[in-house]
Protein backbone atom coordinates (compact mmCIF):
# COMPACT_ATOMS: atom_id res chain seq x y z
CA MET A 1 -40.47 19.88 32.79
CA ARG A 2 -40.50 22.55 35.44
CA ILE A 3 -37.32 24.51 36.13
CA THR A 4 -37.00 25.69 39.69
CA GLY A 5 -35.24 28.84 40.78
CA MET A 6 -32.11 26.97 41.88
CA LYS A 7 -31.88 25.01 38.62
CA CYS A 8 -32.29 28.22 36.65
CA PHE A 9 -29.57 29.88 38.72
CA LEU A 10 -27.18 26.94 38.18
CA ALA A 11 -27.86 26.88 34.44
CA ALA A 12 -27.13 30.62 34.19
CA LEU A 13 -23.96 30.21 36.24
CA ILE A 14 -22.69 27.45 33.97
CA LEU A 15 -23.25 29.66 30.93
CA LEU A 16 -21.20 32.42 32.53
CA LEU A 17 -18.19 30.25 33.34
CA PRO A 18 -15.27 30.85 31.02
CA LEU A 19 -14.46 28.03 28.65
CA PRO A 20 -10.89 26.78 28.59
CA ALA A 21 -8.81 28.44 25.91
CA MET A 22 -8.52 26.29 22.83
CA ALA A 23 -4.96 25.92 21.66
CA ASP A 24 -4.25 25.51 17.98
CA THR A 25 -0.49 25.05 18.14
CA ALA A 26 2.33 24.14 20.50
CA TYR A 27 3.24 27.82 20.54
CA ASP A 28 0.01 28.65 22.40
CA PHE A 29 1.44 27.34 25.70
CA ALA A 30 3.67 28.57 28.47
CA LEU A 31 5.31 26.62 31.28
CA PRO A 32 7.23 27.59 34.40
CA SER A 33 10.91 27.80 33.47
CA LEU A 34 13.59 25.85 35.29
CA ASP A 35 15.54 29.13 35.38
CA GLY A 36 12.63 30.93 37.05
CA GLY A 37 10.00 32.96 35.26
CA THR A 38 8.06 31.63 32.31
CA LEU A 39 9.04 29.47 29.37
CA ASP A 40 6.68 31.07 26.86
CA LEU A 41 6.53 28.91 23.75
CA SER A 42 4.86 31.75 21.80
CA GLU A 43 8.35 33.25 21.61
CA ARG A 44 9.30 30.25 19.43
CA ARG A 45 6.75 31.10 16.68
CA GLY A 46 8.48 31.01 13.32
CA GLN A 47 11.12 28.62 14.62
CA VAL A 48 11.46 24.84 14.85
CA THR A 49 11.34 23.20 18.28
CA LEU A 50 12.06 19.73 19.58
CA ILE A 51 10.08 19.16 22.78
CA VAL A 52 11.45 16.32 24.90
CA ASN A 53 10.08 14.87 28.13
CA THR A 54 13.19 14.19 30.16
CA ALA A 55 14.23 12.39 33.35
CA SER A 56 17.55 12.57 35.18
CA LEU A 57 17.75 8.94 36.34
CA CYS A 58 16.65 7.12 33.18
CA GLY A 59 18.66 4.78 30.97
CA PHE A 60 18.11 7.33 28.18
CA THR A 61 19.51 10.24 30.23
CA PRO A 62 22.82 10.17 28.27
CA GLN A 63 20.75 11.52 25.35
CA TYR A 64 21.12 14.92 26.99
CA ASP A 65 24.55 15.09 25.28
CA GLY A 66 22.98 14.53 21.85
CA LEU A 67 20.13 16.94 22.55
CA GLN A 68 22.58 19.67 23.55
CA ALA A 69 24.67 19.01 20.42
CA LEU A 70 21.55 19.16 18.22
CA HIS A 71 20.49 22.39 19.91
CA GLU A 72 23.91 23.98 19.34
CA ARG A 73 24.22 22.72 15.75
CA TYR A 74 20.97 24.30 14.52
CA ALA A 75 20.34 27.17 16.96
CA ASP A 76 21.54 29.84 14.53
CA GLN A 77 18.99 28.55 11.98
CA GLY A 78 16.01 29.02 14.30
CA PHE A 79 15.96 25.69 16.14
CA ALA A 80 15.83 24.86 19.84
CA VAL A 81 15.40 21.86 22.05
CA VAL A 82 12.98 22.40 24.94
CA GLY A 83 13.26 19.95 27.83
CA ILE A 84 10.26 19.09 30.00
CA PRO A 85 11.40 17.12 33.08
CA SER A 86 8.85 14.60 34.29
CA ASN A 87 8.56 11.94 36.97
CA ASP A 88 5.71 10.13 35.19
CA PHE A 89 7.68 7.10 34.01
CA GLY A 90 9.30 4.95 36.65
CA GLY A 91 9.79 7.81 39.11
CA GLN A 92 13.08 8.60 37.38
CA GLU A 93 13.25 12.35 37.91
CA LEU A 94 15.03 14.04 40.80
CA SER A 95 12.98 15.37 43.69
CA SER A 96 13.26 19.11 43.00
CA ASP A 97 13.57 21.60 40.18
CA ALA A 98 16.82 22.90 41.68
CA ALA A 99 18.29 19.37 41.67
CA VAL A 100 17.27 18.88 38.01
CA LYS A 101 18.80 22.21 36.99
CA ASP A 102 22.07 21.45 38.80
CA PHE A 103 22.21 17.89 37.42
CA CYS A 104 21.68 19.04 33.81
CA GLU A 105 24.19 21.90 34.00
CA VAL A 106 26.93 20.00 35.85
CA ASN A 107 26.70 16.67 34.02
CA PHE A 108 25.69 17.75 30.51
CA GLY A 109 26.27 21.49 30.19
CA ILE A 110 22.64 21.97 29.16
CA THR A 111 21.91 25.44 27.81
CA PHE A 112 18.61 24.77 26.04
CA PRO A 113 15.42 25.95 27.77
CA MET A 114 13.80 23.62 30.27
CA SER A 115 10.60 23.76 32.27
CA THR A 116 10.11 22.81 35.87
CA ILE A 117 9.08 19.21 36.58
CA GLN A 118 5.72 18.58 34.85
CA GLU A 119 3.20 15.80 34.48
CA VAL A 120 3.11 14.66 30.86
CA THR A 121 0.55 11.85 30.94
CA GLY A 122 -3.00 11.25 32.04
CA ARG A 123 -5.67 13.59 33.33
CA ASP A 124 -3.14 15.79 35.14
CA ALA A 125 -0.87 16.26 32.12
CA THR A 126 0.30 19.81 31.62
CA PRO A 127 -1.81 21.54 28.91
CA LEU A 128 1.01 21.27 26.34
CA PHE A 129 1.07 17.49 26.71
CA ALA A 130 -2.73 17.33 26.75
CA TRP A 131 -2.61 19.16 23.38
CA LEU A 132 0.03 16.73 22.09
CA ALA A 133 -2.23 13.83 23.15
CA ASP A 134 -5.12 15.46 21.27
CA GLU A 135 -2.79 15.55 18.25
CA GLY A 136 -2.29 11.80 18.64
CA ALA A 137 1.18 12.04 20.18
CA ARG A 138 1.68 10.70 23.69
CA PRO A 139 4.98 10.00 25.38
CA ARG A 140 5.43 6.29 25.94
CA TRP A 141 8.50 6.73 28.16
CA ASN A 142 11.12 9.31 29.09
CA PHE A 143 12.91 11.06 26.22
CA THR A 144 10.06 10.87 23.72
CA LYS A 145 10.70 13.67 21.23
CA PHE A 146 8.10 15.88 19.52
CA LEU A 147 9.19 17.91 16.50
CA ILE A 148 7.24 21.15 16.12
CA GLY A 149 7.30 23.17 12.89
CA ARG A 150 7.65 26.91 12.48
CA ASP A 151 3.86 27.20 12.46
CA GLY A 152 3.57 25.38 15.79
CA ALA A 153 2.10 22.22 14.27
CA LEU A 154 3.31 18.78 15.30
CA ILE A 155 5.51 17.41 12.52
CA GLY A 156 6.61 14.13 14.03
CA THR A 157 7.23 12.06 17.11
CA PHE A 158 10.35 10.08 17.89
CA PRO A 159 10.46 7.32 20.52
CA SER A 160 12.85 7.22 23.44
CA GLN A 161 15.17 4.94 21.50
CA ALA A 162 15.63 7.50 18.69
CA SER A 163 19.02 9.05 19.22
CA PRO A 164 19.17 12.85 18.89
CA SER A 165 22.50 12.27 17.12
CA SER A 166 21.02 9.98 14.46
CA ALA A 167 20.92 10.83 10.77
CA ARG A 168 17.13 10.37 10.92
CA MET A 169 16.80 13.07 13.58
CA ARG A 170 19.13 15.47 11.75
CA ARG A 171 17.22 14.95 8.48
CA ALA A 172 13.89 15.65 10.21
CA VAL A 173 15.21 18.85 11.81
CA GLU A 174 16.81 20.00 8.55
CA ALA A 175 13.60 19.33 6.61
CA ALA A 176 11.58 21.30 9.17
CA LEU A 177 14.05 24.20 8.98
CA ALA A 178 13.93 24.15 5.17
CA ALA A 179 10.13 24.10 4.98
CA PRO A 180 8.58 27.35 3.76
CA THR A 181 7.00 29.51 6.41
CA SER A 182 3.36 30.40 6.03
């Protein structure tokens, strides 16, 4: 097989292109923050995080109350809820980041960190959700919950129907908080 000058050039160019960074944990990602700036999940290392894909106009939207309560209950132990608004399921998110921020603050008093509106499914999923999919955890609808351990590993996934106020959710968070750190 004869390699021409152009083929050789293209092969060399491909070898010089940077490879995408490989992420080992959920704490290797950053997202644009709903408050402006960056929601850098690396700042959560050593803590427990519940990542939730949210939507303002969903039948599960009242779960914001339970998520905020869970966040407040365990925050002093190194726990946080992180909300990721998405319009991927049923077009149930508001049309702008500003509208989402206002809706969450006015209606639910949300103080936990939230990203801007993100895609969480398919080829255009934000890298965090692409990593979750690689871990075998995909959101099936709005308000799917992903529990992340202190080491950044995925501990468990809870469907939309799982109430953040349930004993099951509290036990999972408490077990993650009690787990030894490595």
